[in-house]
C-alpha cells in the first residue's frame, strides 16, 4: 500500500459524512408525530446519500491505486 497516505484523507472524510447521514436517518426514525410518508422519505434519502458516498469513496480509492492522484489533471 504505497498510496496509503493519499487515501487517508478521502477515507476519513467519507467516513465522517457516511456516519452523519446514517445518524440523520436514525434521528428521523425516533421523531414522533411525523406522517409516515415523510418519515420514510427522511429515512431513505440520507441512506441513499450515504450509499452513494461509499461508492464515490470506492471509485476514489481505485483512482489513487491506479496512479491517478490528481483529478484536476483531466481538465
PDB file of N, CA and C in Angstrom:
ATOM      1  N   UNK A   1       0.837  -1.197   0.000  1.00  0.00           N
ATOM      2  CA  UNK A   1       0.000   0.000   0.000  1.00  0.00           C
ATOM      3  C   UNK A   1       0.873   1.248   0.000  1.00  0.00           C
ATOM      4  N   UNK A   2       1.441   1.535  -1.135  1.00  0.00           N
ATOM      5  CA  UNK A   2       2.307   2.715  -1.212  1.00  0.00           C
ATOM      6  C   UNK A   2       1.510   4.012  -1.275  1.00  0.00           C
ATOM      7  N   UNK A   3       0.208   3.927  -1.541  1.00  0.00           N
ATOM      8  CA  UNK A   3      -0.626   5.126  -1.659  1.00  0.00           C
ATOM      9  C   UNK A   3      -1.446   5.373  -0.396  1.00  0.00           C
ATOM     10  N   UNK A   4      -1.096   4.753   0.715  1.00  0.00           N
ATOM     11  CA  UNK A   4      -1.906   4.847   1.920  1.00  0.00           C
ATOM     12  C   UNK A   4      -2.087   6.291   2.387  1.00  0.00           C
ATOM     13  N   UNK A   5      -1.048   7.087   2.333  1.00  0.00           N
ATOM     14  CA  UNK A   5      -1.150   8.474   2.798  1.00  0.00           C
ATOM     15  C   UNK A   5      -2.113   9.278   1.928  1.00  0.00           C
ATOM     16  N   UNK A   6      -2.176   8.984   0.656  1.00  0.00           N
ATOM     17  CA  UNK A   6      -3.078   9.709  -0.239  1.00  0.00           C
ATOM     18  C   UNK A   6      -4.517   9.240  -0.078  1.00  0.00           C
ATOM     19  N   UNK A   7      -4.708   8.030   0.440  1.00  0.00           N
ATOM     20  CA  UNK A   7      -6.059   7.507   0.637  1.00  0.00           C
ATOM     21  C   UNK A   7      -6.622   7.854   2.014  1.00  0.00           C
ATOM     22  N   UNK A   8      -5.791   8.277   2.933  1.00  0.00           N
ATOM     23  CA  UNK A   8      -6.238   8.525   4.303  1.00  0.00           C
ATOM     24  C   UNK A   8      -7.289   9.627   4.373  1.00  0.00           C
ATOM     25  N   UNK A   9      -7.044  10.744   3.732  1.00  0.00           N
ATOM     26  CA  UNK A   9      -7.985  11.860   3.803  1.00  0.00           C
ATOM     27  C   UNK A   9      -9.345  11.516   3.189  1.00  0.00           C
ATOM     28  N   UNK A  10      -9.414  10.943   1.981  1.00  0.00           N
ATOM     29  CA  UNK A  10     -10.732  10.584   1.451  1.00  0.00           C
ATOM     30  C   UNK A  10     -11.475   9.575   2.324  1.00  0.00           C
ATOM     31  N   UNK A  11     -10.750   8.637   2.917  1.00  0.00           N
ATOM     32  CA  UNK A  11     -11.397   7.639   3.773  1.00  0.00           C
ATOM     33  C   UNK A  11     -11.977   8.300   5.017  1.00  0.00           C
ATOM     34  N   UNK A  12     -11.212   9.173   5.648  1.00  0.00           N
ATOM     35  CA  UNK A  12     -11.677   9.843   6.870  1.00  0.00           C
ATOM     36  C   UNK A  12     -12.875  10.735   6.572  1.00  0.00           C
ATOM     37  N   UNK A  13     -12.794  11.538   5.520  1.00  0.00           N
ATOM     38  CA  UNK A  13     -13.888  12.439   5.171  1.00  0.00           C
ATOM     39  C   UNK A  13     -15.137  11.654   4.801  1.00  0.00           C
ATOM     40  N   UNK A  14     -14.988  10.614   4.010  1.00  0.00           N
ATOM     41  CA  UNK A  14     -16.137   9.794   3.622  1.00  0.00           C
ATOM     42  C   UNK A  14     -16.759   9.126   4.844  1.00  0.00           C
ATOM     43  N   UNK A  15     -15.930   8.640   5.759  1.00  0.00           N
ATOM     44  CA  UNK A  15     -16.439   8.016   6.969  1.00  0.00           C
ATOM     45  C   UNK A  15     -17.271   9.005   7.786  1.00  0.00           C
ATOM     46  N   UNK A  16     -16.770  10.226   7.939  1.00  0.00           N
ATOM     47  CA  UNK A  16     -17.495  11.249   8.697  1.00  0.00           C
ATOM     48  C   UNK A  16     -18.839  11.551   8.037  1.00  0.00           C
ATOM     49  N   UNK A  17     -18.855  11.707   6.726  1.00  0.00           N
ATOM     50  CA  UNK A  17     -20.090  12.027   6.021  1.00  0.00           C
ATOM     51  C   UNK A  17     -21.078  10.859   6.095  1.00  0.00           C
ATOM     52  N   UNK A  18     -20.587   9.643   5.934  1.00  0.00           N
ATOM     53  CA  UNK A  18     -21.466   8.467   5.998  1.00  0.00           C
ATOM     54  C   UNK A  18     -22.078   8.330   7.390  1.00  0.00           C
ATOM     55  N   UNK A  19     -21.276   8.493   8.427  1.00  0.00           N
ATOM     56  CA  UNK A  19     -21.793   8.408   9.797  1.00  0.00           C
ATOM     57  C   UNK A  19     -22.818   9.511  10.048  1.00  0.00           C
ATOM     58  N   UNK A  20     -22.574  10.699   9.515  1.00  0.00           N
ATOM     59  CA  UNK A  20     -23.518  11.804   9.679  1.00  0.00           C
ATOM     60  C   UNK A  20     -24.876  11.462   9.065  1.00  0.00           C
ATOM     61  N   UNK A  21     -24.874  10.971   7.841  1.00  0.00           N
ATOM     62  CA  UNK A  21     -26.142  10.679   7.174  1.00  0.00           C
ATOM     63  C   UNK A  21     -26.855   9.486   7.789  1.00  0.00           C
ATOM     64  N   UNK A  22     -26.114   8.495   8.247  1.00  0.00           N
ATOM     65  CA  UNK A  22     -26.757   7.382   8.938  1.00  0.00           C
ATOM     66  C   UNK A  22     -27.343   7.865  10.266  1.00  0.00           C
ATOM     67  N   UNK A  23     -26.623   8.720  10.958  1.00  0.00           N
ATOM     68  CA  UNK A  23     -27.144   9.310  12.192  1.00  0.00           C
ATOM     69  C   UNK A  23     -28.386  10.142  11.944  1.00  0.00           C
ATOM     70  N   UNK A  24     -28.412  10.853  10.832  1.00  0.00           N
ATOM     71  CA  UNK A  24     -29.584  11.638  10.470  1.00  0.00           C
ATOM     72  C   UNK A  24     -30.790  10.730  10.239  1.00  0.00           C
ATOM     73  N   UNK A  25     -30.581   9.608   9.563  1.00  0.00           N
ATOM     74  CA  UNK A  25     -31.662   8.650   9.330  1.00  0.00           C
ATOM     75  C   UNK A  25     -32.162   8.066  10.654  1.00  0.00           C
ATOM     76  N   UNK A  26     -31.237   7.738  11.545  1.00  0.00           N
ATOM     77  CA  UNK A  26     -31.631   7.205  12.853  1.00  0.00           C
ATOM     78  C   UNK A  26     -32.412   8.252  13.635  1.00  0.00           C
ATOM     79  N   UNK A  27     -31.998   9.493  13.560  1.00  0.00           N
ATOM     80  CA  UNK A  27     -32.721  10.568  14.242  1.00  0.00           C
ATOM     81  C   UNK A  27     -34.152  10.659  13.736  1.00  0.00           C
ATOM     82  N   UNK A  28     -34.341  10.605  12.422  1.00  0.00           N
ATOM     83  CA  UNK A  28     -35.689  10.710  11.874  1.00  0.00           C
ATOM     84  C   UNK A  28     -36.535   9.480  12.203  1.00  0.00           C
ATOM     85  N   UNK A  29     -35.898   8.346  12.499  1.00  0.00           N
ATOM     86  CA  UNK A  29     -36.664   7.173  12.933  1.00  0.00           C
ATOM     87  C   UNK A  29     -37.251   7.389  14.321  1.00  0.00           C
ATOM     88  N   UNK A  30     -36.580   8.194  15.141  1.00  0.00           N
ATOM     89  CA  UNK A  30     -37.025   8.391  16.516  1.00  0.00           C
ATOM     90  C   UNK A  30     -37.986   9.555  16.685  1.00  0.00           C
ATOM     91  N   UNK A  31     -38.128  10.420  15.691  1.00  0.00           N
ATOM     92  CA  UNK A  31     -39.016  11.578  15.796  1.00  0.00           C
ATOM     93  C   UNK A  31     -40.460  11.098  15.687  1.00  0.00           C
ATOM     94  N   UNK A  32     -41.269  11.526  16.613  1.00  0.00           N
ATOM     95  CA  UNK A  32     -42.674  11.123  16.578  1.00  0.00           C
ATOM     96  C   UNK A  32     -43.541  12.273  16.076  1.00  0.00           C
ATOM     97  N   UNK A  33     -44.734  11.947  15.643  1.00  0.00           N
ATOM     98  CA  UNK A  33     -45.675  12.958  15.185  1.00  0.00           C
ATOM     99  C   UNK A  33     -45.488  13.380  13.741  1.00  0.00           C
ATOM    100  N   UNK A  34     -44.685  12.648  13.006  1.00  0.00           N
ATOM    101  CA  UNK A  34     -44.430  12.966  11.600  1.00  0.00           C
ATOM    102  C   UNK A  34     -45.203  11.952  10.751  1.00  0.00           C
ATOM    103  N   UNK A  35     -45.874  12.404   9.699  1.00  0.00           N
ATOM    104  CA  UNK A  35     -46.592  11.449   8.842  1.00  0.00           C
ATOM    105  C   UNK A  35     -45.655  10.368   8.292  1.00  0.00           C
ATOM    106  N   UNK A  36     -46.206   9.191   8.067  1.00  0.00           N
ATOM    107  CA  UNK A  36     -45.413   8.041   7.655  1.00  0.00           C
ATOM    108  C   UNK A  36     -44.674   8.277   6.351  1.00  0.00           C
ATOM    109  N   UNK A  37     -45.319   8.884   5.368  1.00  0.00           N
ATOM    110  CA  UNK A  37     -44.674   9.128   4.074  1.00  0.00           C
ATOM    111  C   UNK A  37     -43.464  10.044   4.227  1.00  0.00           C
ATOM    112  N   UNK A  38     -43.602  11.072   5.030  1.00  0.00           N
ATOM    113  CA  UNK A  38     -42.491  12.000   5.263  1.00  0.00           C
ATOM    114  C   UNK A  38     -41.379  11.298   6.031  1.00  0.00           C
ATOM    115  N   UNK A  39     -41.748  10.484   6.992  1.00  0.00           N
ATOM    116  CA  UNK A  39     -40.756   9.760   7.785  1.00  0.00           C
ATOM    117  C   UNK A  39     -39.949   8.803   6.895  1.00  0.00           C
ATOM    118  N   UNK A  40     -40.640   8.089   6.016  1.00  0.00           N
ATOM    119  CA  UNK A  40     -39.942   7.169   5.108  1.00  0.00           C
ATOM    120  C   UNK A  40     -38.987   7.943   4.208  1.00  0.00           C
ATOM    121  N   UNK A  41     -39.437   9.071   3.676  1.00  0.00           N
ATOM    122  CA  UNK A  41     -38.588   9.901   2.819  1.00  0.00           C
ATOM    123  C   UNK A  41     -37.369  10.401   3.579  1.00  0.00           C
ATOM    124  N   UNK A  42     -37.576  10.832   4.811  1.00  0.00           N
ATOM    125  CA  UNK A  42     -36.481  11.388   5.599  1.00  0.00           C
ATOM    126  C   UNK A  42     -35.534  10.310   6.133  1.00  0.00           C
ATOM    127  N   UNK A  43     -35.924   9.044   6.021  1.00  0.00           N
ATOM    128  CA  UNK A  43     -35.031   7.954   6.391  1.00  0.00           C
ATOM    129  C   UNK A  43     -34.299   7.428   5.164  1.00  0.00           C
ATOM    130  N   UNK A  44     -35.029   7.282   4.061  1.00  0.00           N
ATOM    131  CA  UNK A  44     -34.453   6.688   2.857  1.00  0.00           C
ATOM    132  C   UNK A  44     -33.458   7.642   2.179  1.00  0.00           C
ATOM    133  N   UNK A  45     -33.775   8.914   2.115  1.00  0.00           N
ATOM    134  CA  UNK A  45     -32.910   9.876   1.415  1.00  0.00           C
ATOM    135  C   UNK A  45     -31.490   9.923   2.005  1.00  0.00           C
ATOM    136  N   UNK A  46     -31.329  10.062   3.330  1.00  0.00           N
ATOM    137  CA  UNK A  46     -29.959  10.060   3.870  1.00  0.00           C
ATOM    138  C   UNK A  46     -29.236   8.736   3.663  1.00  0.00           C
ATOM    139  N   UNK A  47     -29.969   7.626   3.703  1.00  0.00           N
ATOM    140  CA  UNK A  47     -29.325   6.328   3.487  1.00  0.00           C
ATOM    141  C   UNK A  47     -28.842   6.193   2.046  1.00  0.00           C
ATOM    142  N   UNK A  48     -29.601   6.739   1.103  1.00  0.00           N
ATOM    143  CA  UNK A  48     -29.171   6.725  -0.298  1.00  0.00           C
ATOM    144  C   UNK A  48     -27.914   7.576  -0.468  1.00  0.00           C
ATOM    145  N   UNK A  49     -27.904   8.745   0.156  1.00  0.00           N
ATOM    146  CA  UNK A  49     -26.726   9.617   0.069  1.00  0.00           C
ATOM    147  C   UNK A  49     -25.503   8.926   0.682  1.00  0.00           C
ATOM    148  N   UNK A  50     -25.694   8.231   1.793  1.00  0.00           N
ATOM    149  CA  UNK A  50     -24.580   7.510   2.425  1.00  0.00           C
ATOM    150  C   UNK A  50     -24.063   6.407   1.504  1.00  0.00           C
ATOM    151  N   UNK A  51     -24.975   5.700   0.837  1.00  0.00           N
ATOM    152  CA  UNK A  51     -24.559   4.639  -0.086  1.00  0.00           C
ATOM    153  C   UNK A  51     -23.805   5.210  -1.279  1.00  0.00           C
ATOM    154  N   UNK A  52     -24.269   6.337  -1.798  1.00  0.00           N
ATOM    155  CA  UNK A  52     -23.583   6.984  -2.922  1.00  0.00           C
ATOM    156  C   UNK A  52     -22.194   7.453  -2.487  1.00  0.00           C
ATOM    157  N   UNK A  53     -22.095   7.987  -1.291  1.00  0.00           N
ATOM    158  CA  UNK A  53     -20.799   8.433  -0.780  1.00  0.00           C
ATOM    159  C   UNK A  53     -19.832   7.264  -0.662  1.00  0.00           C
ATOM    160  N   UNK A  54     -20.330   6.114  -0.252  1.00  0.00           N
ATOM    161  CA  UNK A  54     -19.487   4.925  -0.160  1.00  0.00           C
ATOM    162  C   UNK A  54     -18.997   4.514  -1.550  1.00  0.00           C
ATOM    163  N   UNK A  55     -19.885   4.593  -2.534  1.00  0.00           N
ATOM    164  CA  UNK A  55     -19.490   4.284  -3.909  1.00  0.00           C
ATOM    165  C   UNK A  55     -18.446   5.244  -4.439  1.00  0.00           C
ATOM    166  N   UNK A  56     -18.601   6.514  -4.128  1.00  0.00           N
ATOM    167  CA  UNK A  56     -17.628   7.523  -4.546  1.00  0.00           C
ATOM    168  C   UNK A  56     -16.277   7.246  -3.885  1.00  0.00           C
ATOM    169  N   UNK A  57     -16.304   6.848  -2.630  1.00  0.00           N
ATOM    170  CA  UNK A  57     -15.060   6.516  -1.930  1.00  0.00           C
ATOM    171  C   UNK A  57     -14.356   5.339  -2.603  1.00  0.00           C
ATOM    172  N   UNK A  58     -15.114   4.304  -2.953  1.00  0.00           N
ATOM    173  CA  UNK A  58     -14.507   3.155  -3.627  1.00  0.00           C
ATOM    174  C   UNK A  58     -13.890   3.557  -4.969  1.00  0.00           C
ATOM    175  N   UNK A  59     -14.585   4.407  -5.732  1.00  0.00           N
ATOM    176  CA  UNK A  59     -14.032   4.886  -7.005  1.00  0.00           C
ATOM    177  C   UNK A  59     -12.763   5.697  -6.789  1.00  0.00           C
ATOM    178  N   UNK A  60     -12.749   6.524  -5.755  1.00  0.00           N
ATOM    179  CA  UNK A  60     -11.571   7.350  -5.469  1.00  0.00           C
ATOM    180  C   UNK A  60     -10.385   6.481  -5.075  1.00  0.00           C
ATOM    181  N   UNK A  61     -10.634   5.446  -4.294  1.00  0.00           N
ATOM    182  CA  UNK A  61      -9.554   4.543  -3.894  1.00  0.00           C
ATOM    183  C   UNK A  61      -8.981   3.842  -5.123  1.00  0.00           C
ATOM    184  N   UNK A  62      -9.841   3.413  -6.037  1.00  0.00           N
ATOM    185  CA  UNK A  62      -9.364   2.770  -7.267  1.00  0.00           C
ATOM    186  C   UNK A  62      -8.539   3.738  -8.104  1.00  0.00           C
ATOM    187  N   UNK A  63      -8.954   5.006  -8.158  1.00  0.00           N
ATOM    188  CA  UNK A  63      -8.196   6.012  -8.899  1.00  0.00           C
ATOM    189  C   UNK A  63      -6.812   6.194  -8.295  1.00  0.00           C
ATOM    190  N   UNK A  64      -6.752   6.294  -6.980  1.00  0.00           N
ATOM    191  CA  UNK A  64      -5.466   6.503  -6.319  1.00  0.00           C
ATOM    192  C   UNK A  64      -4.561   5.297  -6.524  1.00  0.00           C
ATOM    193  N   UNK A  65      -5.111   4.096  -6.403  1.00  0.00           N
ATOM    194  CA  UNK A  65      -4.307   2.895  -6.608  1.00  0.00           C
ATOM    195  C   UNK A  65      -3.849   2.765  -8.048  1.00  0.00           C
ATOM    196  N   UNK A  66      -4.624   3.312  -8.973  1.00  0.00           N
ATOM    197  CA  UNK A  66      -4.249   3.259 -10.379  1.00  0.00           C
ATOM    198  C   UNK A  66      -3.273   4.344 -10.784  1.00  0.00           C
ATOM    199  N   UNK A  67      -2.882   5.197  -9.866  1.00  0.00           N
ATOM    200  CA  UNK A  67      -1.900   6.231 -10.158  1.00  0.00           C
ATOM    201  C   UNK A  67      -2.501   7.572 -10.511  1.00  0.00           C
ATOM    202  N   UNK A  68      -3.804   7.704 -10.450  1.00  0.00           N
ATOM    203  CA  UNK A  68      -4.466   8.973 -10.774  1.00  0.00           C
ATOM    204  C   UNK A  68      -4.756   9.708  -9.472  1.00  0.00           C
ATOM    205  N   UNK A  69      -3.710  10.335  -8.907  1.00  0.00           N
ATOM    206  CA  UNK A  69      -3.876  11.023  -7.623  1.00  0.00           C
ATOM    207  C   UNK A  69      -4.541  12.378  -7.780  1.00  0.00           C
ATOM    208  N   UNK A  70      -4.404  12.984  -8.924  1.00  0.00           N
ATOM    209  CA  UNK A  70      -4.873  14.346  -9.137  1.00  0.00           C
ATOM    210  C   UNK A  70      -5.996  14.344 -10.166  1.00  0.00           C
ATOM    211  N   UNK A  71      -7.225  14.505  -9.709  1.00  0.00           N
ATOM    212  CA  UNK A  71      -8.377  14.533 -10.615  1.00  0.00           C
ATOM    213  C   UNK A  71      -8.357  15.755 -11.525  1.00  0.00           C
ATOM    214  N   UNK A  72      -7.740  16.823 -11.083  1.00  0.00           N
ATOM    215  CA  UNK A  72      -7.745  18.056 -11.869  1.00  0.00           C
ATOM    216  C   UNK A  72      -6.905  17.948 -13.134  1.00  0.00           C
ATOM    217  N   UNK A  73      -6.052  16.951 -13.231  1.00  0.00           N
ATOM    218  CA  UNK A  73      -5.220  16.802 -14.423  1.00  0.00           C
ATOM    219  C   UNK A  73      -6.035  16.422 -15.641  1.00  0.00           C
ATOM    220  N   UNK A  74      -7.270  15.998 -15.443  1.00  0.00           N
ATOM    221  CA  UNK A  74      -8.134  15.624 -16.565  1.00  0.00           C
ATOM    222  C   UNK A  74      -8.724  16.842 -17.264  1.00  0.00           C
ATOM    223  N   UNK A  75      -8.661  17.990 -16.626  1.00  0.00           N
ATOM    224  CA  UNK A  75      -9.338  19.181 -17.165  1.00  0.00           C
ATOM    225  C   UNK A  75      -8.368  20.222 -17.641  1.00  0.00           C
TER     226      UNK A  75
END
